[in-house]
Amino acid sequence: MIYLTSEILVQILIFILVFAVTFQIFLKFLKEKTSSAIISLIVSTLATISLTYYQINFVAQNYSLFGMVALISIPFLIVFFFLYSLNINSLPRRMLFVTYGIIAIIILQKNQFVDLTLKNTITILIIVAIGLIIILDKWIKEKIETKKNFRGRV
């Protein structure tokens, strides 16, 4: 039986992050979604497998709160950028944001180095941010598309 530990959740976040970045990079070079997705899957799987428990534990112990904030917010911003730059439907985009929020909250709650009130505050902020993104999804996508169109004309 597989238990959902913080190590597995961190590896899932790293997998998503590496996949999104490599997919976008290869999509620019190859101009083909299928081969870009296959190469990105291979690269992100190798990156996730090579990450050991001791490396994750080292970051959690040495960087405590800053490490958790960086672990949650930096990949979130990258995922946010890539999900809105891809031409995918609203439902998969919303589902990925909800999944990301759940994983981030579970990782945060399992952290032993952050006190309970701070955990609750960050959890509430994550829930509010994900909720706002879900509610304003269409509006955000329209604003990003508008900015893309204006950049192309200049």
C-alpha atoms as a PDB file:
ATOM      1  CA  MET A   1       0.000   0.000   0.000  1.00  0.00           C
ATOM      2  CA  ILE A   2       1.260   3.465  -0.864  1.00  0.00           C
ATOM      3  CA  TYR A   3       0.973   6.135   1.816  1.00  0.00           C
ATOM      4  CA  LEU A   4       0.664   9.774   0.846  1.00  0.00           C
ATOM      5  CA  THR A   5       3.693  11.328   2.534  1.00  0.00           C
ATOM      6  CA  SER A   6       5.117  14.809   2.202  1.00  0.00           C
ATOM      7  CA  GLU A   7       8.056  13.333   0.278  1.00  0.00           C
ATOM      8  CA  ILE A   8       5.715  11.986  -2.401  1.00  0.00           C
ATOM      9  CA  LEU A   9       3.822  15.270  -2.544  1.00  0.00           C
ATOM     10  CA  VAL A  10       7.035  17.260  -2.987  1.00  0.00           C
ATOM     11  CA  GLN A  11       8.049  14.902  -5.765  1.00  0.00           C
ATOM     12  CA  ILE A  12       4.652  15.418  -7.427  1.00  0.00           C
ATOM     13  CA  LEU A  13       5.093  19.194  -7.296  1.00  0.00           C
ATOM     14  CA  ILE A  14       8.595  18.938  -8.718  1.00  0.00           C
ATOM     15  CA  PHE A  15       7.310  16.606 -11.439  1.00  0.00           C
ATOM     16  CA  ILE A  16       4.585  19.115 -12.400  1.00  0.00           C
ATOM     17  CA  LEU A  17       7.056  21.993 -12.366  1.00  0.00           C
ATOM     18  CA  VAL A  18       9.713  20.247 -14.468  1.00  0.00           C
ATOM     19  CA  PHE A  19       7.079  18.906 -16.870  1.00  0.00           C
ATOM     20  CA  ALA A  20       5.548  22.352 -17.429  1.00  0.00           C
ATOM     21  CA  VAL A  21       8.896  24.045 -18.019  1.00  0.00           C
ATOM     22  CA  THR A  22      10.317  21.392 -20.337  1.00  0.00           C
ATOM     23  CA  PHE A  23       7.040  21.099 -22.252  1.00  0.00           C
ATOM     24  CA  GLN A  24       7.032  24.828 -22.975  1.00  0.00           C
ATOM     25  CA  ILE A  25      10.695  24.829 -23.968  1.00  0.00           C
ATOM     26  CA  PHE A  26      10.349  21.878 -26.341  1.00  0.00           C
ATOM     27  CA  LEU A  27       7.076  23.228 -27.701  1.00  0.00           C
ATOM     28  CA  LYS A  28       8.906  26.378 -28.809  1.00  0.00           C
ATOM     29  CA  PHE A  29      11.615  24.349 -30.556  1.00  0.00           C
ATOM     30  CA  LEU A  30       9.675  21.407 -31.974  1.00  0.00           C
ATOM     31  CA  LYS A  31       6.314  23.118 -32.637  1.00  0.00           C
ATOM     32  CA  GLU A  32       4.614  19.765 -31.984  1.00  0.00           C
ATOM     33  CA  LYS A  33       2.641  18.975 -28.834  1.00  0.00           C
ATOM     34  CA  THR A  34       2.935  15.190 -28.897  1.00  0.00           C
ATOM     35  CA  SER A  35       6.715  14.943 -29.046  1.00  0.00           C
ATOM     36  CA  SER A  36       7.072  17.847 -26.613  1.00  0.00           C
ATOM     37  CA  ALA A  37       4.800  16.070 -24.132  1.00  0.00           C
ATOM     38  CA  ILE A  38       6.708  12.784 -24.459  1.00  0.00           C
ATOM     39  CA  ILE A  39      10.110  14.434 -23.975  1.00  0.00           C
ATOM     40  CA  SER A  40       8.782  16.487 -21.050  1.00  0.00           C
ATOM     41  CA  LEU A  41       7.352  13.375 -19.412  1.00  0.00           C
ATOM     42  CA  ILE A  42      10.696  11.604 -19.672  1.00  0.00           C
ATOM     43  CA  VAL A  43      12.690  14.570 -18.323  1.00  0.00           C
ATOM     44  CA  SER A  44      10.302  15.253 -15.439  1.00  0.00           C
ATOM     45  CA  THR A  45      10.165  11.581 -14.481  1.00  0.00           C
ATOM     46  CA  LEU A  46      13.953  11.375 -14.376  1.00  0.00           C
ATOM     47  CA  ALA A  47      14.145  14.569 -12.315  1.00  0.00           C
ATOM     48  CA  THR A  48      11.583  13.255  -9.843  1.00  0.00           C
ATOM     49  CA  ILE A  49      13.150   9.818  -9.499  1.00  0.00           C
ATOM     50  CA  SER A  50      16.618  11.245  -8.877  1.00  0.00           C
ATOM     51  CA  LEU A  51      15.361  13.367  -5.960  1.00  0.00           C
ATOM     52  CA  THR A  52      16.053  11.595  -2.668  1.00  0.00           C
ATOM     53  CA  TYR A  53      14.343  11.789   0.705  1.00  0.00           C
ATOM     54  CA  TYR A  54      17.489  13.261   2.261  1.00  0.00           C
ATOM     55  CA  GLN A  55      17.507  16.190  -0.161  1.00  0.00           C
ATOM     56  CA  ILE A  56      13.873  16.996   0.604  1.00  0.00           C
ATOM     57  CA  ASN A  57      14.487  16.613   4.338  1.00  0.00           C
ATOM     58  CA  PHE A  58      17.552  18.877   4.119  1.00  0.00           C
ATOM     59  CA  VAL A  59      15.512  21.692   2.562  1.00  0.00           C
ATOM     60  CA  ALA A  60      12.694  21.272   5.100  1.00  0.00           C
ATOM     61  CA  GLN A  61      15.038  21.361   8.102  1.00  0.00           C
ATOM     62  CA  ASN A  62      17.335  24.173   6.979  1.00  0.00           C
ATOM     63  CA  TYR A  63      14.886  26.562   5.386  1.00  0.00           C
ATOM     64  CA  SER A  64      11.715  25.781   7.416  1.00  0.00           C
ATOM     65  CA  LEU A  65       9.197  28.583   6.746  1.00  0.00           C
ATOM     66  CA  PHE A  66      10.982  30.172   3.800  1.00  0.00           C
ATOM     67  CA  GLY A  67      11.465  26.760   2.246  1.00  0.00           C
ATOM     68  CA  MET A  68       7.769  26.001   2.580  1.00  0.00           C
ATOM     69  CA  VAL A  69       6.729  29.374   1.159  1.00  0.00           C
ATOM     70  CA  ALA A  70       9.168  28.979  -1.743  1.00  0.00           C
ATOM     71  CA  LEU A  71       8.049  25.379  -2.238  1.00  0.00           C
ATOM     72  CA  ILE A  72       4.442  26.517  -2.523  1.00  0.00           C
ATOM     73  CA  SER A  73       4.599  29.945  -4.194  1.00  0.00           C
ATOM     74  CA  ILE A  74       7.379  29.714  -6.789  1.00  0.00           C
ATOM     75  CA  PRO A  75       6.042  26.578  -8.489  1.00  0.00           C
ATOM     76  CA  PHE A  76       2.534  28.048  -8.206  1.00  0.00           C
ATOM     77  CA  LEU A  77       3.579  31.138 -10.155  1.00  0.00           C
ATOM     78  CA  ILE A  78       5.293  29.013 -12.794  1.00  0.00           C
ATOM     79  CA  VAL A  79       2.294  26.673 -13.092  1.00  0.00           C
ATOM     80  CA  PHE A  80      -0.003  29.717 -13.234  1.00  0.00           C
ATOM     81  CA  PHE A  81       1.996  31.190 -16.122  1.00  0.00           C
ATOM     82  CA  PHE A  82       2.201  27.961 -18.093  1.00  0.00           C
ATOM     83  CA  LEU A  83      -1.423  26.949 -17.604  1.00  0.00           C
ATOM     84  CA  TYR A  84      -2.645  30.288 -18.861  1.00  0.00           C
ATOM     85  CA  SER A  85      -0.162  30.383 -21.735  1.00  0.00           C
ATOM     86  CA  LEU A  86      -1.327  26.980 -22.997  1.00  0.00           C
ATOM     87  CA  ASN A  87      -4.496  26.793 -25.026  1.00  0.00           C
ATOM     88  CA  ILE A  88      -6.370  24.366 -22.798  1.00  0.00           C
ATOM     89  CA  ASN A  89      -9.975  24.511 -21.706  1.00  0.00           C
ATOM     90  CA  SER A  90     -11.110  26.112 -18.495  1.00  0.00           C
ATOM     91  CA  LEU A  91     -12.127  22.881 -16.727  1.00  0.00           C
ATOM     92  CA  PRO A  92      -8.707  21.124 -16.878  1.00  0.00           C
ATOM     93  CA  ARG A  93      -7.023  24.372 -15.856  1.00  0.00           C
ATOM     94  CA  ARG A  94      -9.308  24.700 -12.823  1.00  0.00           C
ATOM     95  CA  MET A  95      -8.819  21.041 -11.911  1.00  0.00           C
ATOM     96  CA  LEU A  96      -5.042  21.451 -11.999  1.00  0.00           C
ATOM     97  CA  PHE A  97      -5.235  24.500  -9.739  1.00  0.00           C
ATOM     98  CA  VAL A  98      -7.437  22.626  -7.241  1.00  0.00           C
ATOM     99  CA  THR A  99      -5.040  19.663  -7.303  1.00  0.00           C
ATOM    100  CA  TYR A 100      -2.083  21.967  -6.797  1.00  0.00           C
ATOM    101  CA  GLY A 101      -3.838  23.677  -3.876  1.00  0.00           C
ATOM    102  CA  ILE A 102      -4.657  20.366  -2.190  1.00  0.00           C
ATOM    103  CA  ILE A 103      -1.084  19.120  -2.558  1.00  0.00           C
ATOM    104  CA  ALA A 104       0.322  22.406  -1.224  1.00  0.00           C
ATOM    105  CA  ILE A 105      -1.993  22.335   1.810  1.00  0.00           C
ATOM    106  CA  ILE A 106      -1.110  18.721   2.615  1.00  0.00           C
ATOM    107  CA  ILE A 107       2.618  19.467   2.378  1.00  0.00           C
ATOM    108  CA  LEU A 108       2.177  22.509   4.603  1.00  0.00           C
ATOM    109  CA  GLN A 109       0.131  20.628   7.208  1.00  0.00           C
ATOM    110  CA  LYS A 110       2.715  17.842   7.416  1.00  0.00           C
ATOM    111  CA  ASN A 111       5.554  20.293   8.053  1.00  0.00           C
ATOM    112  CA  GLN A 112       6.743  20.031  11.657  1.00  0.00           C
ATOM    113  CA  PHE A 113       8.770  23.246  11.658  1.00  0.00           C
ATOM    114  CA  VAL A 114       5.918  25.736  11.258  1.00  0.00           C
ATOM    115  CA  ASP A 115       3.586  26.512  14.163  1.00  0.00           C
ATOM    116  CA  LEU A 116      -0.133  25.780  13.940  1.00  0.00           C
ATOM    117  CA  THR A 117      -1.433  29.357  13.641  1.00  0.00           C
ATOM    118  CA  LEU A 118       0.931  30.110  10.750  1.00  0.00           C
ATOM    119  CA  LYS A 119      -0.068  26.855   9.051  1.00  0.00           C
ATOM    120  CA  ASN A 120      -3.726  27.804   9.349  1.00  0.00           C
ATOM    121  CA  THR A 121      -3.105  31.310   8.021  1.00  0.00           C
ATOM    122  CA  ILE A 122      -1.174  30.054   4.992  1.00  0.00           C
ATOM    123  CA  THR A 123      -3.805  27.360   4.395  1.00  0.00           C
ATOM    124  CA  ILE A 124      -6.572  29.973   4.371  1.00  0.00           C
ATOM    125  CA  LEU A 125      -4.552  32.135   1.969  1.00  0.00           C
ATOM    126  CA  ILE A 126      -4.044  29.171  -0.364  1.00  0.00           C
ATOM    127  CA  ILE A 127      -7.759  28.353  -0.299  1.00  0.00           C
ATOM    128  CA  VAL A 128      -8.708  31.983  -0.987  1.00  0.00           C
ATOM    129  CA  ALA A 129      -6.157  32.271  -3.823  1.00  0.00           C
ATOM    130  CA  ILE A 130      -7.310  29.054  -5.485  1.00  0.00           C
ATOM    131  CA  GLY A 131     -10.950  30.078  -5.029  1.00  0.00           C
ATOM    132  CA  LEU A 132     -10.330  33.464  -6.638  1.00  0.00           C
ATOM    133  CA  ILE A 133      -8.476  31.866  -9.528  1.00  0.00           C
ATOM    134  CA  ILE A 134     -11.340  29.427 -10.098  1.00  0.00           C
ATOM    135  CA  ILE A 135     -13.972  32.180  -9.946  1.00  0.00           C
ATOM    136  CA  LEU A 136     -12.003  34.629 -12.106  1.00  0.00           C
ATOM    137  CA  ASP A 137     -10.583  32.020 -14.500  1.00  0.00           C
ATOM    138  CA  LYS A 138     -12.263  33.278 -17.665  1.00  0.00           C
ATOM    139  CA  TRP A 139     -11.481  36.926 -16.849  1.00  0.00           C
ATOM    140  CA  ILE A 140      -7.781  36.130 -16.174  1.00  0.00           C
ATOM    141  CA  LYS A 141      -7.514  34.185 -19.440  1.00  0.00           C
ATOM    142  CA  GLU A 142      -9.085  37.086 -21.369  1.00  0.00           C
ATOM    143  CA  LYS A 143      -6.678  39.614 -19.815  1.00  0.00           C
ATOM    144  CA  ILE A 144      -3.653  37.443 -20.617  1.00  0.00           C
ATOM    145  CA  GLU A 145      -4.855  36.916 -24.207  1.00  0.00           C
ATOM    146  CA  THR A 146      -5.409  40.667 -24.578  1.00  0.00           C
ATOM    147  CA  LYS A 147      -1.865  41.381 -23.412  1.00  0.00           C
ATOM    148  CA  LYS A 148      -0.502  38.755 -25.808  1.00  0.00           C
ATOM    149  CA  ASN A 149      -2.361  40.366 -28.709  1.00  0.00           C
ATOM    150  CA  PHE A 150      -1.087  43.836 -27.847  1.00  0.00           C
ATOM    151  CA  ARG A 151       2.497  42.583 -27.613  1.00  0.00           C
ATOM    152  CA  GLY A 152       2.229  41.045 -31.058  1.00  0.00           C
ATOM    153  CA  ARG A 153       1.179  44.344 -32.658  1.00  0.00           C
ATOM    154  CA  VAL A 154       3.920  46.501 -31.183  1.00  0.00           C
END
